[in-house]
Amino acid sequence: MSQGSQDNPSLGNLQSVGPNNQSPMTMQTNLPETSQQNQLQNAHTTPHKQNQQLSSTPDVPEFLTKTRLQELVREVDPTEQLDEEVEEMLLQLADDFVETTVNAACLLAKHRHANTVEVKDVQLHLERNWNMWIPGFGTDEVRPYKRATVTEAHKQRLALIRKSIKKY
């Protein structure tokens, strides 16, 4: 976990919603008897340590694996190979991006006084902070096209081009 997520322990836990969802109680009942007792003891003394233990379990999905990253690189250039350090850095960047996006979406949902994170929370964060729009999700509203502002230097360049074209 990054430093930013440890600063806000009051945000709560993130759980996926779907048919294969396991609640924290279900996860505890699947553990052996001794680890259940250790977790219950640790829950009262060190909540951050328990969160780190749960996040390192194999049940936590990885958003981008090394094999998937290598497949993506092969799609771009079949002869390209990434160094081990570069792979680790890209995987860490992807994890950090997902973590910050989820945290921001949770804060937006909390601001709406909602208990669930909706697509519009994620979209708002991505659009405002990363200038990203994911088509196919969200509302059917027509988004206005933002025309780029034309600078004076650009107008001068266009005038020079038009002038040179007229000469020929």
N, C-alpha and C. Protein backbone atom coordinates (compact mmCIF):
# COMPACT_ATOMS: atom_id res chain seq x y z
N MET A 1 0.83 -1.18 0.00
CA MET A 1 0.00 0.00 0.00
C MET A 1 0.87 1.23 0.00
N SER A 2 0.39 2.30 -0.59
CA SER A 2 1.16 3.52 -0.64
C SER A 2 0.93 4.33 0.62
N GLN A 3 1.73 5.36 0.79
CA GLN A 3 1.65 6.20 1.97
C GLN A 3 0.32 6.92 2.05
N GLY A 4 -0.22 7.33 0.92
CA GLY A 4 -1.46 8.08 0.88
C GLY A 4 -2.65 7.30 1.41
N SER A 5 -2.70 6.00 1.20
CA SER A 5 -3.83 5.22 1.67
C SER A 5 -3.75 4.96 3.16
N GLN A 6 -2.56 5.02 3.76
CA GLN A 6 -2.43 4.84 5.19
C GLN A 6 -2.80 6.11 5.93
N ASP A 7 -2.78 7.27 5.27
CA ASP A 7 -3.12 8.52 5.91
C ASP A 7 -4.62 8.64 6.13
N ASN A 8 -5.44 7.95 5.36
CA ASN A 8 -6.89 8.03 5.46
C ASN A 8 -7.47 6.69 5.89
N PRO A 9 -7.29 6.29 7.16
CA PRO A 9 -7.83 5.00 7.56
C PRO A 9 -9.35 5.02 7.69
N SER A 10 -9.99 6.20 7.69
CA SER A 10 -11.43 6.27 7.88
C SER A 10 -12.21 6.07 6.59
N LEU A 11 -11.53 5.85 5.46
CA LEU A 11 -12.23 5.68 4.20
C LEU A 11 -13.00 4.37 4.14
N GLY A 12 -12.56 3.36 4.84
CA GLY A 12 -13.26 2.09 4.83
C GLY A 12 -12.60 1.09 3.91
N ASN A 13 -13.21 -0.06 3.78
CA ASN A 13 -12.67 -1.12 2.94
C ASN A 13 -13.41 -1.17 1.62
N LEU A 14 -12.69 -1.54 0.59
CA LEU A 14 -13.28 -1.66 -0.74
C LEU A 14 -13.60 -3.12 -1.00
N GLN A 15 -14.83 -3.39 -1.38
CA GLN A 15 -15.24 -4.76 -1.70
C GLN A 15 -15.86 -4.74 -3.08
N SER A 16 -15.57 -5.77 -3.85
CA SER A 16 -16.18 -5.85 -5.17
C SER A 16 -17.61 -6.33 -5.04
N VAL A 17 -18.45 -5.89 -5.95
CA VAL A 17 -19.85 -6.29 -5.95
C VAL A 17 -20.06 -7.17 -7.16
N GLY A 18 -20.48 -8.38 -6.92
CA GLY A 18 -20.71 -9.29 -8.03
C GLY A 18 -20.98 -10.69 -7.53
N PRO A 19 -21.16 -11.63 -8.44
CA PRO A 19 -21.52 -12.98 -8.05
C PRO A 19 -20.40 -13.72 -7.32
N ASN A 20 -19.14 -13.37 -7.56
CA ASN A 20 -18.06 -14.10 -6.91
C ASN A 20 -17.50 -13.31 -5.74
N ASN A 21 -18.30 -12.46 -5.13
CA ASN A 21 -17.87 -11.64 -4.02
C ASN A 21 -17.82 -12.48 -2.75
N GLN A 22 -16.75 -12.33 -1.99
CA GLN A 22 -16.65 -12.97 -0.70
C GLN A 22 -16.56 -11.88 0.35
N SER A 23 -17.43 -11.95 1.33
CA SER A 23 -17.37 -10.95 2.39
C SER A 23 -16.17 -11.25 3.29
N PRO A 24 -15.72 -10.28 4.11
CA PRO A 24 -14.58 -10.54 4.99
C PRO A 24 -14.84 -11.69 5.96
N MET A 25 -16.10 -11.89 6.38
CA MET A 25 -16.40 -13.01 7.27
C MET A 25 -16.20 -14.33 6.54
N THR A 26 -16.56 -14.40 5.28
CA THR A 26 -16.36 -15.62 4.50
C THR A 26 -14.88 -15.90 4.34
N MET A 27 -14.11 -14.86 4.15
CA MET A 27 -12.68 -15.05 4.01
C MET A 27 -12.07 -15.57 5.30
N GLN A 28 -12.59 -15.11 6.45
CA GLN A 28 -12.05 -15.56 7.72
C GLN A 28 -12.41 -17.01 7.99
N THR A 29 -13.60 -17.44 7.58
CA THR A 29 -13.99 -18.81 7.85
C THR A 29 -13.22 -19.80 7.00
N ASN A 30 -12.65 -19.37 5.88
CA ASN A 30 -11.86 -20.26 5.05
C ASN A 30 -10.45 -20.44 5.58
N LEU A 31 -10.02 -19.59 6.52
CA LEU A 31 -8.67 -19.68 7.05
C LEU A 31 -8.60 -20.76 8.12
N PRO A 32 -7.41 -21.34 8.36
CA PRO A 32 -7.28 -22.30 9.44
C PRO A 32 -7.60 -21.66 10.78
N GLU A 33 -7.90 -22.50 11.78
CA GLU A 33 -8.34 -22.04 13.09
C GLU A 33 -7.30 -21.15 13.78
N THR A 34 -6.03 -21.48 13.68
CA THR A 34 -5.00 -20.69 14.37
C THR A 34 -4.84 -19.31 13.75
N SER A 35 -4.94 -19.21 12.45
CA SER A 35 -4.78 -17.90 11.82
C SER A 35 -5.99 -17.01 12.10
N GLN A 36 -7.18 -17.63 12.32
CA GLN A 36 -8.34 -16.83 12.69
C GLN A 36 -8.11 -16.17 14.03
N GLN A 37 -7.59 -16.93 14.98
CA GLN A 37 -7.35 -16.37 16.31
C GLN A 37 -6.29 -15.28 16.24
N ASN A 38 -5.24 -15.49 15.45
CA ASN A 38 -4.20 -14.48 15.32
C ASN A 38 -4.75 -13.21 14.68
N GLN A 39 -5.61 -13.36 13.68
CA GLN A 39 -6.18 -12.19 13.02
C GLN A 39 -7.08 -11.43 13.96
N LEU A 40 -7.87 -12.13 14.77
CA LEU A 40 -8.74 -11.44 15.71
C LEU A 40 -7.93 -10.69 16.75
N GLN A 41 -6.81 -11.27 17.20
CA GLN A 41 -5.95 -10.58 18.15
C GLN A 41 -5.29 -9.38 17.49
N ASN A 42 -4.83 -9.52 16.27
CA ASN A 42 -4.17 -8.42 15.57
C ASN A 42 -5.16 -7.32 15.21
N ALA A 43 -6.42 -7.65 15.03
CA ALA A 43 -7.41 -6.65 14.66
C ALA A 43 -7.59 -5.62 15.77
N HIS A 44 -7.44 -6.05 17.01
CA HIS A 44 -7.61 -5.12 18.12
C HIS A 44 -6.36 -4.29 18.36
N THR A 45 -5.18 -4.80 17.99
CA THR A 45 -3.94 -4.10 18.30
C THR A 45 -3.40 -3.30 17.13
N THR A 46 -3.32 -3.90 15.93
CA THR A 46 -2.71 -3.21 14.79
C THR A 46 -3.58 -3.37 13.55
N PRO A 47 -4.50 -2.42 13.31
CA PRO A 47 -5.36 -2.56 12.13
C PRO A 47 -4.61 -2.40 10.82
N HIS A 48 -3.53 -1.56 10.78
CA HIS A 48 -2.79 -1.39 9.53
C HIS A 48 -2.05 -2.66 9.17
N LYS A 49 -1.55 -3.37 10.17
CA LYS A 49 -0.82 -4.61 9.89
C LYS A 49 -1.78 -5.65 9.31
N GLN A 50 -3.02 -5.70 9.83
CA GLN A 50 -3.98 -6.66 9.31
C GLN A 50 -4.33 -6.33 7.87
N ASN A 51 -4.50 -5.05 7.55
CA ASN A 51 -4.82 -4.67 6.16
C ASN A 51 -3.70 -5.06 5.22
N GLN A 52 -2.45 -4.94 5.67
CA GLN A 52 -1.33 -5.33 4.83
C GLN A 52 -1.31 -6.83 4.63
N GLN A 53 -1.65 -7.60 5.68
CA GLN A 53 -1.67 -9.05 5.53
C GLN A 53 -2.76 -9.48 4.56
N LEU A 54 -3.94 -8.86 4.67
CA LEU A 54 -5.03 -9.24 3.77
C LEU A 54 -4.73 -8.83 2.34
N SER A 55 -4.03 -7.70 2.16
CA SER A 55 -3.75 -7.26 0.79
C SER A 55 -2.68 -8.10 0.13
N SER A 56 -1.88 -8.83 0.89
CA SER A 56 -0.84 -9.65 0.29
C SER A 56 -1.32 -11.07 0.00
N THR A 57 -2.58 -11.36 0.26
CA THR A 57 -3.10 -12.70 -0.01
C THR A 57 -3.28 -12.88 -1.51
N PRO A 58 -3.26 -14.12 -1.99
CA PRO A 58 -3.42 -14.35 -3.42
C PRO A 58 -4.84 -14.07 -3.91
N ASP A 59 -5.83 -13.86 -3.01
CA ASP A 59 -7.20 -13.58 -3.43
C ASP A 59 -7.34 -12.19 -4.03
N VAL A 60 -6.40 -11.29 -3.72
CA VAL A 60 -6.47 -9.93 -4.23
C VAL A 60 -6.09 -9.95 -5.71
N PRO A 61 -6.96 -9.44 -6.59
CA PRO A 61 -6.65 -9.51 -8.02
C PRO A 61 -5.55 -8.53 -8.40
N GLU A 62 -4.70 -8.97 -9.30
CA GLU A 62 -3.69 -8.08 -9.87
C GLU A 62 -4.29 -7.50 -11.13
N PHE A 63 -4.18 -6.20 -11.29
CA PHE A 63 -4.77 -5.55 -12.44
C PHE A 63 -3.93 -5.73 -13.68
N LEU A 64 -2.62 -5.80 -13.49
CA LEU A 64 -1.72 -6.00 -14.61
C LEU A 64 -0.63 -6.96 -14.15
N THR A 65 -0.54 -8.11 -14.79
CA THR A 65 0.48 -9.09 -14.44
C THR A 65 1.66 -8.95 -15.38
N LYS A 66 2.76 -9.60 -15.01
CA LYS A 66 3.95 -9.55 -15.86
C LYS A 66 3.68 -10.17 -17.23
N THR A 67 2.96 -11.27 -17.24
CA THR A 67 2.69 -11.93 -18.52
C THR A 67 1.81 -11.04 -19.41
N ARG A 68 0.81 -10.39 -18.81
CA ARG A 68 -0.05 -9.50 -19.59
C ARG A 68 0.74 -8.29 -20.10
N LEU A 69 1.64 -7.77 -19.28
CA LEU A 69 2.48 -6.65 -19.71
C LEU A 69 3.36 -7.07 -20.87
N GLN A 70 3.92 -8.27 -20.81
CA GLN A 70 4.76 -8.77 -21.91
C GLN A 70 3.93 -8.96 -23.18
N GLU A 71 2.68 -9.42 -23.03
CA GLU A 71 1.80 -9.56 -24.20
C GLU A 71 1.52 -8.19 -24.83
N LEU A 72 1.29 -7.19 -24.00
CA LEU A 72 1.04 -5.85 -24.52
C LEU A 72 2.25 -5.31 -25.27
N VAL A 73 3.44 -5.57 -24.75
CA VAL A 73 4.66 -5.12 -25.41
C VAL A 73 4.82 -5.84 -26.74
N ARG A 74 4.52 -7.15 -26.78
CA ARG A 74 4.62 -7.91 -28.03
C ARG A 74 3.62 -7.43 -29.07
N GLU A 75 2.45 -6.94 -28.63
CA GLU A 75 1.48 -6.39 -29.58
C GLU A 75 2.03 -5.14 -30.26
N VAL A 76 2.78 -4.34 -29.51
CA VAL A 76 3.36 -3.13 -30.08
C VAL A 76 4.54 -3.46 -30.97
N ASP A 77 5.46 -4.27 -30.45
CA ASP A 77 6.66 -4.64 -31.21
C ASP A 77 7.07 -6.05 -30.78
N PRO A 78 6.93 -7.04 -31.65
CA PRO A 78 7.24 -8.43 -31.28
C PRO A 78 8.70 -8.66 -30.90
N THR A 79 9.60 -7.81 -31.34
CA THR A 79 11.02 -8.02 -31.03
C THR A 79 11.46 -7.31 -29.76
N GLU A 80 10.60 -6.51 -29.17
CA GLU A 80 10.98 -5.71 -28.00
C GLU A 80 10.91 -6.54 -26.72
N GLN A 81 11.89 -6.33 -25.85
CA GLN A 81 11.93 -6.98 -24.53
C GLN A 81 12.14 -5.91 -23.47
N LEU A 82 11.44 -6.01 -22.35
CA LEU A 82 11.59 -5.05 -21.27
C LEU A 82 12.56 -5.59 -20.23
N ASP A 83 13.35 -4.69 -19.64
CA ASP A 83 14.21 -5.08 -18.52
C ASP A 83 13.33 -5.39 -17.32
N GLU A 84 13.89 -6.15 -16.39
CA GLU A 84 13.16 -6.52 -15.17
C GLU A 84 12.76 -5.27 -14.37
N GLU A 85 13.68 -4.31 -14.27
CA GLU A 85 13.39 -3.09 -13.51
C GLU A 85 12.27 -2.28 -14.16
N VAL A 86 12.27 -2.25 -15.49
CA VAL A 86 11.23 -1.52 -16.22
C VAL A 86 9.87 -2.19 -16.01
N GLU A 87 9.84 -3.51 -16.06
CA GLU A 87 8.59 -4.23 -15.81
C GLU A 87 8.06 -3.92 -14.43
N GLU A 88 8.94 -3.99 -13.43
CA GLU A 88 8.51 -3.71 -12.06
C GLU A 88 7.99 -2.29 -11.92
N MET A 89 8.67 -1.34 -12.55
CA MET A 89 8.24 0.06 -12.47
C MET A 89 6.88 0.25 -13.14
N LEU A 90 6.68 -0.35 -14.30
CA LEU A 90 5.39 -0.22 -14.99
C LEU A 90 4.26 -0.88 -14.20
N LEU A 91 4.54 -2.03 -13.60
CA LEU A 91 3.54 -2.70 -12.78
C LEU A 91 3.20 -1.84 -11.56
N GLN A 92 4.21 -1.23 -10.95
CA GLN A 92 3.98 -0.37 -9.80
C GLN A 92 3.17 0.87 -10.20
N LEU A 93 3.50 1.45 -11.35
CA LEU A 93 2.74 2.61 -11.83
C LEU A 93 1.28 2.25 -12.07
N ALA A 94 1.04 1.09 -12.66
CA ALA A 94 -0.34 0.67 -12.92
C ALA A 94 -1.10 0.46 -11.61
N ASP A 95 -0.45 -0.18 -10.64
CA ASP A 95 -1.10 -0.39 -9.34
C ASP A 95 -1.38 0.94 -8.65
N ASP A 96 -0.43 1.86 -8.70
CA ASP A 96 -0.63 3.17 -8.08
C ASP A 96 -1.76 3.94 -8.76
N PHE A 97 -1.83 3.85 -10.08
CA PHE A 97 -2.89 4.53 -10.82
C PHE A 97 -4.26 3.99 -10.41
N VAL A 98 -4.38 2.67 -10.34
CA VAL A 98 -5.66 2.06 -9.97
C VAL A 98 -6.00 2.44 -8.53
N GLU A 99 -5.01 2.40 -7.65
CA GLU A 99 -5.26 2.71 -6.24
C GLU A 99 -5.71 4.16 -6.06
N THR A 100 -5.04 5.10 -6.71
CA THR A 100 -5.44 6.51 -6.57
C THR A 100 -6.80 6.77 -7.20
N THR A 101 -7.08 6.10 -8.31
CA THR A 101 -8.38 6.27 -8.96
C THR A 101 -9.50 5.74 -8.08
N VAL A 102 -9.28 4.58 -7.49
CA VAL A 102 -10.31 4.00 -6.61
C VAL A 102 -10.49 4.86 -5.37
N ASN A 103 -9.40 5.33 -4.79
CA ASN A 103 -9.51 6.19 -3.61
C ASN A 103 -10.27 7.47 -3.93
N ALA A 104 -9.96 8.09 -5.06
CA ALA A 104 -10.66 9.32 -5.44
C ALA A 104 -12.14 9.04 -5.72
N ALA A 105 -12.44 7.92 -6.36
CA ALA A 105 -13.83 7.56 -6.62
C ALA A 105 -14.59 7.31 -5.32
N CYS A 106 -13.91 6.70 -4.36
CA CYS A 106 -14.54 6.48 -3.04
C CYS A 106 -14.83 7.81 -2.36
N LEU A 107 -13.90 8.75 -2.45
CA LEU A 107 -14.12 10.07 -1.86
C LEU A 107 -15.28 10.79 -2.53
N LEU A 108 -15.39 10.66 -3.84
CA LEU A 108 -16.50 11.28 -4.55
C LEU A 108 -17.84 10.65 -4.15
N ALA A 109 -17.85 9.33 -3.99
CA ALA A 109 -19.07 8.66 -3.55
C ALA A 109 -19.43 9.08 -2.13
N LYS A 110 -18.42 9.22 -1.30
CA LYS A 110 -18.65 9.68 0.08
C LYS A 110 -19.20 11.10 0.07
N HIS A 111 -18.70 11.93 -0.83
CA HIS A 111 -19.19 13.31 -0.94
C HIS A 111 -20.65 13.34 -1.37
N ARG A 112 -21.06 12.37 -2.19
CA ARG A 112 -22.47 12.27 -2.62
C ARG A 112 -23.33 11.64 -1.53
N HIS A 113 -22.74 11.26 -0.42
CA HIS A 113 -23.42 10.56 0.68
C HIS A 113 -23.98 9.23 0.20
N ALA A 114 -23.19 8.53 -0.61
CA ALA A 114 -23.60 7.23 -1.14
C ALA A 114 -22.70 6.15 -0.53
N ASN A 115 -23.24 4.96 -0.44
CA ASN A 115 -22.48 3.83 0.09
C ASN A 115 -21.78 3.03 -0.99
N THR A 116 -22.11 3.29 -2.24
CA THR A 116 -21.50 2.54 -3.34
C THR A 116 -20.81 3.48 -4.31
N VAL A 117 -19.75 2.99 -4.89
CA VAL A 117 -19.02 3.74 -5.91
C VAL A 117 -19.66 3.43 -7.25
N GLU A 118 -20.01 4.47 -7.98
CA GLU A 118 -20.64 4.30 -9.28
C GLU A 118 -19.66 4.68 -10.38
N VAL A 119 -20.03 4.33 -11.60
CA VAL A 119 -19.17 4.61 -12.75
C VAL A 119 -18.92 6.11 -12.87
N LYS A 120 -19.93 6.90 -12.57
CA LYS A 120 -19.76 8.34 -12.71
C LYS A 120 -18.71 8.90 -11.76
N ASP A 121 -18.48 8.25 -10.61
CA ASP A 121 -17.43 8.69 -9.70
C ASP A 121 -16.05 8.47 -10.32
N VAL A 122 -15.87 7.31 -10.90
CA VAL A 122 -14.59 7.00 -11.55
C VAL A 122 -14.40 7.91 -12.76
N GLN A 123 -15.46 8.09 -13.54
CA GLN A 123 -15.37 8.92 -14.74
C GLN A 123 -15.03 10.36 -14.40
N LEU A 124 -15.63 10.88 -13.34
CA LEU A 124 -15.36 12.27 -12.97
C LEU A 124 -13.90 12.46 -12.60
N HIS A 125 -13.37 11.52 -11.83
CA HIS A 125 -11.95 11.61 -11.46
C HIS A 125 -11.05 11.52 -12.68
N LEU A 126 -11.31 10.55 -13.54
CA LEU A 126 -10.46 10.38 -14.72
C LEU A 126 -10.54 11.58 -15.66
N GLU A 127 -11.73 12.15 -15.80
CA GLU A 127 -11.89 13.27 -16.72
C GLU A 127 -11.24 14.53 -16.16
N ARG A 128 -11.43 14.79 -14.88
CA ARG A 128 -10.92 16.03 -14.29
C ARG A 128 -9.41 15.98 -14.06
N ASN A 129 -8.90 14.86 -13.60
CA ASN A 129 -7.48 14.80 -13.22
C ASN A 129 -6.56 14.26 -14.30
N TRP A 130 -7.08 13.41 -15.17
CA TRP A 130 -6.23 12.78 -16.19
C TRP A 130 -6.66 13.12 -17.60
N ASN A 131 -7.72 13.90 -17.76
CA ASN A 131 -8.26 14.26 -19.07
C ASN A 131 -8.54 13.01 -19.90
N MET A 132 -9.10 12.00 -19.25
CA MET A 132 -9.43 10.73 -19.90
C MET A 132 -10.94 10.56 -19.92
N TRP A 133 -11.46 10.09 -21.02
CA TRP A 133 -12.88 9.76 -21.11
C TRP A 133 -12.98 8.36 -21.66
N ILE A 134 -13.65 7.48 -20.92
CA ILE A 134 -13.81 6.09 -21.33
C ILE A 134 -15.16 5.98 -22.04
N PRO A 135 -15.17 5.79 -23.36
CA PRO A 135 -16.44 5.71 -24.08
C PRO A 135 -17.18 4.42 -23.75
N GLY A 136 -18.50 4.52 -23.78
CA GLY A 136 -19.32 3.34 -23.56
C GLY A 136 -19.79 3.19 -22.13
N PHE A 137 -19.30 4.00 -21.22
CA PHE A 137 -19.72 3.93 -19.83
C PHE A 137 -20.39 5.24 -19.45
N GLY A 138 -21.38 5.14 -18.60
CA GLY A 138 -21.98 6.36 -18.08
C GLY A 138 -23.22 6.78 -18.81
N THR A 139 -23.40 8.08 -18.89
CA THR A 139 -24.65 8.63 -19.40
C THR A 139 -24.64 8.71 -20.92
N ASP A 140 -25.83 8.95 -21.46
CA ASP A 140 -25.98 9.09 -22.91
C ASP A 140 -25.99 10.56 -23.33
N GLU A 141 -25.63 11.45 -22.42
CA GLU A 141 -25.66 12.87 -22.75
C GLU A 141 -24.62 13.18 -23.83
N VAL A 142 -24.94 14.16 -24.65
CA VAL A 142 -24.04 14.58 -25.70
C VAL A 142 -23.03 15.54 -25.08
N ARG A 143 -21.77 15.20 -25.20
CA ARG A 143 -20.72 16.04 -24.62
C ARG A 143 -20.30 17.07 -25.65
N PRO A 144 -20.25 18.33 -25.24
CA PRO A 144 -19.84 19.37 -26.20
C PRO A 144 -18.37 19.21 -26.57
N TYR A 145 -18.10 19.49 -27.83
CA TYR A 145 -16.73 19.40 -28.31
C TYR A 145 -15.98 20.65 -27.87
N LYS A 146 -14.87 20.46 -27.18
CA LYS A 146 -14.07 21.59 -26.73
C LYS A 146 -13.09 21.95 -27.84
N ARG A 147 -13.33 23.08 -28.44
CA ARG A 147 -12.44 23.53 -29.50
C ARG A 147 -11.20 24.16 -28.88
N ALA A 148 -10.05 23.78 -29.37
CA ALA A 148 -8.81 24.32 -28.84
C ALA A 148 -8.71 25.80 -29.17
N THR A 149 -8.19 26.55 -28.22
CA THR A 149 -8.04 27.98 -28.46
C THR A 149 -6.89 28.21 -29.42
N VAL A 150 -7.09 29.16 -30.33
CA VAL A 150 -6.09 29.46 -31.34
C VAL A 150 -5.24 30.62 -30.84
N THR A 151 -3.95 30.41 -30.74
CA THR A 151 -3.05 31.45 -30.25
C THR A 151 -2.70 32.42 -31.38
N GLU A 152 -2.19 33.56 -30.98
CA GLU A 152 -1.80 34.57 -31.97
C GLU A 152 -0.66 34.07 -32.85
N ALA A 153 0.28 33.32 -32.24
CA ALA A 153 1.40 32.78 -33.02
C ALA A 153 0.91 31.82 -34.08
N HIS A 154 -0.10 31.02 -33.75
CA HIS A 154 -0.66 30.08 -34.71
C HIS A 154 -1.33 30.82 -35.87
N LYS A 155 -2.03 31.89 -35.55
CA LYS A 155 -2.68 32.69 -36.60
C LYS A 155 -1.63 33.27 -37.55
N GLN A 156 -0.50 33.73 -36.99
CA GLN A 156 0.55 34.29 -37.83
C GLN A 156 1.16 33.23 -38.74
N ARG A 157 1.35 32.02 -38.20
CA ARG A 157 1.89 30.93 -39.02
C ARG A 157 0.94 30.59 -40.16
N LEU A 158 -0.34 30.52 -39.85
CA LEU A 158 -1.34 30.23 -40.89
C LEU A 158 -1.34 31.32 -41.96
N ALA A 159 -1.20 32.57 -41.54
CA ALA A 159 -1.17 33.67 -42.51
C ALA A 159 0.05 33.55 -43.42
N LEU A 160 1.21 33.17 -42.85
CA LEU A 160 2.41 32.98 -43.67
C LEU A 160 2.23 31.84 -44.67
N ILE A 161 1.60 30.78 -44.24
CA ILE A 161 1.36 29.63 -45.12
C ILE A 161 0.43 30.03 -46.26
N ARG A 162 -0.65 30.72 -45.93
CA ARG A 162 -1.59 31.16 -46.97
C ARG A 162 -0.91 32.12 -47.96
N LYS A 163 -0.07 32.99 -47.42
CA LYS A 163 0.64 33.95 -48.27
C LYS A 163 1.59 33.23 -49.22
N SER A 164 2.31 32.21 -48.71
CA SER A 164 3.24 31.47 -49.57
C SER A 164 2.50 30.63 -50.60
N ILE A 165 1.31 30.16 -50.29
CA ILE A 165 0.52 29.37 -51.24
C ILE A 165 0.03 30.27 -52.38
N LYS A 166 -0.35 31.50 -52.07
CA LYS A 166 -0.86 32.43 -53.09
C LYS A 166 0.21 32.79 -54.11
N LYS A 167 1.48 32.76 -53.71
CA LYS A 167 2.57 33.12 -54.62
C LYS A 167 2.69 32.12 -55.76
N TYR A 168 2.37 30.87 -55.54
CA TYR A 168 2.60 29.84 -56.56
C TYR A 168 1.42 29.68 -57.41
